[in-house]
Structure formats: C-alpha cells, structure tokens
Amino acid sequence: MEWRWDFTFEILPRMLWATGNTLLAAGIGYLIALVVGLILMLGQRTPYRIVNFIVREVVEFIRSTPLLVQLFFVFFVAPQFGIKLTAWTSAMLTIGLHFGTYLSEVYRGALEGVPKAQWEACRALNFSTAYTYRRVVLPQAFPIALPGMGNYLVGIFKDTPLLATIGVAELMHTANALGAETYRYLEPYTMVGFIFLIISLPAAMGLRRLEAAVAKAQGKVKH
C-alpha cells in the first residue's frame, strides 16, 4: 500500500481537531491529578493513623491496577450502581485519580527530601504550619518534585489513546474512525505516531529547561 498525500491532506483537519481534544484531555486530567495527588499526600501525613492507613492502601490499590481497567470500571460498571458519567467526564476523573496517586508519591518524596533541620528550625521560631509549608518547605520541595511532575505530564499525554476504548474523540479514536470509514489505516495511524512524537519531544525538552531554570534560580548547577 502506497502513501496517498491527497488522502493525508483530506483527513488532516479531523486529525488536528482530534489533537486539540487529546491535549485538552491530557491538560484537564493533569490538573485534576495535581490536586488529587496533593490531597492524597496530605492524607498520608495526618497524625491520625487510621486515615494514613486508608489513604496509603487506596494509593497502592490504584497504582497496582491498570488505567484501562479503571476506565472500564468507571464508564461501564459505575452506571450499574447509579453513577452515570459521560465518556469525557469518566476519562478526566479516571486519569486524574490514577495519576494523582503517582503524583502523591512524588510530593511525598519531595517533602521528605527537605532536611529535617528546616522543620525543626521553623518550630523553634514558632512558625505556623501553613507558613512553614508556604515559605520554607515548598520552595525547597518543588525543584525535587519537578522532574517527576514533568514525567507524569508526558505520561498522561502518551496514555490518552486508551480513552478511545470508551469513545472519547481523541487521536486514536479518530484514526480508528477514519480507517473504518475509508479502509485506509496507513495514513491515520502514521499521523498519530508523528503527532505524538512532535508534541512529546519538545515538551520533554521544555521540562528539562524548566528544571534547569529552577535549579539555577536556587543557586544550584544542573548538568
């Protein structure tokens, strides 16, 4: 089968529209994951052991099950319990919850990377917990967490093809639809691969530059 450029330009508008949907899905899912991760991280740092235990087990359970299974459960199984969500809502919530568990571990590791002496000094100076986090701990923890946060952003983007399984009109879903309509799969699937490559590589480079800029701003040399 030969490559048809006329067909490529014919389907290009639909592929670009699907690219926008993919970026939107990845962006919203990531924002939800950032918040969910913070909540789960704080849940593991409370003085209440039962809360710590429950949150920790929930995090481990979600991290130990595939994203695809979770998507199917939220979209196909939840309605049997009276919880009916659209494909988009199911996708955003599932991505946010799934990757939020990973980000919670990134946050936790970053906080543990801040020297204990910093916490002790803040307590000695009678700083409030909120002030300690905002002005002392988080500015030091953010550069530690940044690489992991960036990796999961790219990871969410590359996992968006799974959303096609529940009917979200992202890149892979659109490529499948075009293939079924025209019986040509070479161009749509190749374009999907190139689009992911074109977006992922600059994004990864941008994240590395951001890490280097943050490290430089803090007086650290990042090679």
Protein backbone atom coordinates (compact mmCIF):
# COMPACT_ATOMS: atom_id res chain seq x y z
CA MET A 1 0.00 0.00 0.00
CA GLU A 2 1.42 3.37 -1.02
CA TRP A 3 1.17 6.62 0.87
CA ARG A 4 -1.56 8.91 -0.51
CA TRP A 5 -0.83 12.58 0.04
CA ASP A 6 -4.25 13.67 -1.21
CA PHE A 7 -5.88 11.50 1.43
CA THR A 8 -3.46 12.83 4.06
CA PHE A 9 -4.50 16.43 3.43
CA GLU A 10 -8.13 15.38 3.32
CA ILE A 11 -8.07 13.90 6.82
CA LEU A 12 -5.67 16.48 8.28
CA PRO A 13 -8.42 18.81 9.65
CA ARG A 14 -10.04 15.96 11.58
CA MET A 15 -6.67 14.82 12.91
CA LEU A 16 -5.83 18.35 14.07
CA TRP A 17 -9.23 18.62 15.75
CA ALA A 18 -8.55 15.31 17.49
CA THR A 19 -5.12 16.60 18.53
CA GLY A 20 -6.82 19.51 20.28
CA ASN A 21 -9.11 17.08 22.10
CA THR A 22 -6.11 14.98 23.11
CA LEU A 23 -4.26 17.98 24.52
CA LEU A 24 -7.41 19.11 26.32
CA ALA A 25 -7.89 15.66 27.84
CA ALA A 26 -4.26 15.48 28.95
CA GLY A 27 -4.33 19.00 30.36
CA ILE A 28 -7.54 18.66 32.36
CA GLY A 29 -6.57 15.20 33.56
CA TYR A 30 -3.20 16.51 34.72
CA LEU A 31 -4.75 19.44 36.61
CA ILE A 32 -7.08 17.03 38.40
CA ALA A 33 -4.13 14.75 39.15
CA LEU A 34 -2.17 17.64 40.68
CA VAL A 35 -4.99 18.36 43.13
CA VAL A 36 -5.77 14.69 43.86
CA GLY A 37 -2.09 14.00 44.44
CA LEU A 38 -1.87 16.85 46.94
CA ILE A 39 -4.94 15.63 48.82
CA LEU A 40 -3.63 12.06 48.96
CA MET A 41 -0.20 13.22 50.07
CA LEU A 42 -1.69 15.29 52.90
CA GLY A 43 -3.88 12.32 53.84
CA GLN A 44 -0.73 10.29 54.43
CA ARG A 45 0.81 12.98 56.61
CA THR A 46 -2.02 13.42 59.10
CA PRO A 47 -1.48 12.48 62.77
CA TYR A 48 -4.37 10.00 62.52
CA ARG A 49 -3.05 6.51 61.81
CA ILE A 50 -6.34 5.14 60.52
CA VAL A 51 -6.53 7.92 57.92
CA ASN A 52 -2.91 7.32 56.97
CA PHE A 53 -3.55 3.61 56.56
CA ILE A 54 -6.70 4.02 54.45
CA VAL A 55 -5.15 6.61 52.13
CA ARG A 56 -1.98 4.58 51.73
CA GLU A 57 -3.93 1.43 50.83
CA VAL A 58 -6.10 3.34 48.36
CA VAL A 59 -2.97 4.75 46.68
CA GLU A 60 -1.36 1.33 46.43
CA PHE A 61 -4.55 -0.26 45.10
CA ILE A 62 -4.99 2.31 42.34
CA ARG A 63 -1.32 2.22 41.40
CA SER A 64 -1.44 -1.57 41.19
CA THR A 65 -4.34 -1.76 38.72
CA PRO A 66 -4.16 -0.80 35.02
CA LEU A 67 -5.57 2.51 33.84
CA LEU A 68 -7.60 0.70 31.18
CA VAL A 69 -9.38 -1.43 33.79
CA GLN A 70 -10.17 1.68 35.82
CA LEU A 71 -11.57 3.43 32.73
CA PHE A 72 -13.85 0.47 32.01
CA PHE A 73 -14.98 0.29 35.62
CA VAL A 74 -15.87 3.99 35.84
CA PHE A 75 -17.60 4.14 32.45
CA PHE A 76 -19.24 0.70 32.16
CA VAL A 77 -19.60 -0.61 35.71
CA ALA A 78 -20.37 2.54 37.73
CA PRO A 79 -23.73 3.11 35.92
CA GLN A 80 -24.93 -0.20 37.37
CA PHE A 81 -24.64 1.49 40.78
CA GLY A 82 -26.47 4.60 39.64
CA ILE A 83 -23.36 6.64 38.76
CA LYS A 84 -23.74 7.66 35.11
CA LEU A 85 -20.97 9.79 33.64
CA THR A 86 -20.21 10.87 30.10
CA ALA A 87 -17.17 9.44 28.34
CA TRP A 88 -15.29 12.71 28.77
CA THR A 89 -16.11 13.03 32.46
CA SER A 90 -15.20 9.39 33.09
CA ALA A 91 -11.91 9.87 31.26
CA MET A 92 -10.92 13.05 33.12
CA LEU A 93 -11.79 11.68 36.55
CA THR A 94 -10.08 8.36 35.93
CA ILE A 95 -6.90 9.96 34.61
CA GLY A 96 -6.88 12.44 37.48
CA LEU A 97 -7.33 9.77 40.12
CA HIS A 98 -4.89 7.30 38.53
CA PHE A 99 -2.03 9.72 38.04
CA GLY A 100 -2.89 11.59 41.22
CA THR A 101 -1.75 8.54 43.18
CA TYR A 102 1.62 8.66 41.44
CA LEU A 103 1.96 12.40 41.98
CA SER A 104 1.15 11.94 45.67
CA GLU A 105 4.27 9.79 45.94
CA VAL A 106 6.25 12.42 44.03
CA TYR A 107 5.07 15.07 46.50
CA ARG A 108 5.79 12.84 49.47
CA GLY A 109 9.31 12.09 48.28
CA ALA A 110 9.96 15.77 47.65
CA LEU A 111 8.83 16.75 51.13
CA GLU A 112 10.95 14.03 52.68
CA GLY A 113 13.87 15.40 50.69
CA VAL A 114 13.72 18.67 52.63
CA PRO A 115 16.19 18.43 55.56
CA LYS A 116 14.52 17.83 58.92
CA ALA A 117 16.55 20.69 60.31
CA GLN A 118 14.37 23.07 58.29
CA TRP A 119 11.23 21.80 60.03
CA GLU A 120 12.88 21.94 63.44
CA ALA A 121 14.09 25.50 62.85
CA CYS A 122 10.59 26.60 61.88
CA ARG A 123 9.13 25.02 65.01
CA ALA A 124 11.80 26.68 67.13
CA LEU A 125 10.87 30.04 65.60
CA ASN A 126 7.19 29.30 66.32
CA PHE A 127 6.17 29.49 62.66
CA SER A 128 2.70 28.20 61.87
CA THR A 129 2.38 25.00 59.83
CA ALA A 130 0.87 26.90 56.90
CA TYR A 131 3.68 29.46 56.93
CA THR A 132 6.31 26.73 57.20
CA TYR A 133 4.93 24.94 54.16
CA ARG A 134 4.40 28.08 52.09
CA ARG A 135 7.63 29.98 52.76
CA VAL A 136 10.17 27.35 53.76
CA VAL A 137 9.32 23.77 52.79
CA LEU A 138 7.50 24.02 49.45
CA PRO A 139 10.10 26.30 47.79
CA GLN A 140 12.69 23.63 48.59
CA ALA A 141 10.47 20.67 47.72
CA PHE A 142 9.28 21.99 44.35
CA PRO A 143 12.61 21.51 42.50
CA ILE A 144 12.80 17.96 43.86
CA ALA A 145 9.28 17.17 42.67
CA LEU A 146 9.54 18.91 39.30
CA PRO A 147 11.16 16.07 37.30
CA GLY A 148 8.55 13.56 38.46
CA MET A 149 5.72 16.00 37.81
CA GLY A 150 7.01 16.59 34.29
CA ASN A 151 7.39 12.89 33.57
CA TYR A 152 3.79 12.18 34.53
CA LEU A 153 2.54 15.06 32.40
CA VAL A 154 4.17 13.45 29.37
CA GLY A 155 2.94 10.06 30.59
CA ILE A 156 -0.67 11.25 30.69
CA PHE A 157 -0.37 12.60 27.16
CA LYS A 158 1.01 9.29 25.86
CA ASP A 159 -1.72 7.31 27.66
CA THR A 160 -4.60 9.26 26.10
CA PRO A 161 -5.05 6.64 23.29
CA LEU A 162 -6.61 4.43 25.97
CA LEU A 163 -9.51 6.88 26.08
CA ALA A 164 -10.54 5.69 22.63
CA THR A 165 -11.80 2.48 24.25
CA ILE A 166 -14.68 4.36 25.89
CA GLY A 167 -15.44 6.62 22.92
CA VAL A 168 -13.52 9.81 23.72
CA ALA A 169 -12.79 11.51 20.39
CA GLU A 170 -9.03 11.85 20.78
CA LEU A 171 -6.34 10.99 18.23
CA MET A 172 -6.54 7.21 18.30
CA HIS A 173 -10.34 7.18 18.30
CA THR A 174 -10.36 9.49 15.28
CA ALA A 175 -7.74 7.40 13.48
CA ASN A 176 -9.82 4.27 14.07
CA ALA A 177 -12.92 6.01 12.77
CA LEU A 178 -11.14 7.25 9.65
CA GLY A 179 -9.78 3.78 9.00
CA ALA A 180 -13.22 2.22 9.35
CA GLU A 181 -14.75 4.83 7.03
CA THR A 182 -12.12 4.71 4.28
CA TYR A 183 -10.46 1.31 4.76
CA ARG A 184 -7.12 3.09 4.87
CA TYR A 185 -5.19 2.82 8.13
CA LEU A 186 -1.66 3.66 6.99
CA GLU A 187 -2.04 7.42 6.92
CA PRO A 188 -4.20 7.90 10.07
CA TYR A 189 -2.08 5.66 12.30
CA THR A 190 1.20 7.08 10.98
CA MET A 191 -0.06 10.58 11.59
CA VAL A 192 -0.99 9.63 15.16
CA GLY A 193 2.55 8.44 15.78
CA PHE A 194 4.12 11.55 14.30
CA ILE A 195 1.80 13.91 16.15
CA PHE A 196 2.63 12.26 19.48
CA LEU A 197 6.33 12.46 18.64
CA ILE A 198 6.14 16.09 17.54
CA ILE A 199 4.41 17.10 20.78
CA SER A 200 6.21 14.81 23.25
CA LEU A 201 9.80 15.63 22.29
CA PRO A 202 9.51 19.45 22.58
CA ALA A 203 7.51 19.01 25.79
CA ALA A 204 10.25 16.86 27.32
CA MET A 205 12.91 19.36 26.25
CA GLY A 206 10.88 22.22 27.67
CA LEU A 207 10.52 20.44 31.00
CA ARG A 208 14.27 19.87 31.19
CA ARG A 209 14.86 23.56 30.52
CA LEU A 210 12.37 24.43 33.24
CA GLU A 211 14.17 22.14 35.70
CA ALA A 212 17.48 23.77 34.81
CA ALA A 213 15.99 27.27 35.20
CA VAL A 214 14.54 26.43 38.63
CA ALA A 215 17.84 24.90 39.73
CA LYS A 216 19.73 27.97 38.53
CA ALA A 217 17.32 30.31 40.31
CA GLN A 218 18.04 28.44 43.54
CA GLY A 219 21.78 28.68 43.03
CA LYS A 220 22.20 25.06 42.03
CA VAL A 221 24.09 23.88 38.97
CA LYS A 222 22.14 21.37 36.90
CA HIS A 223 24.16 19.43 34.34
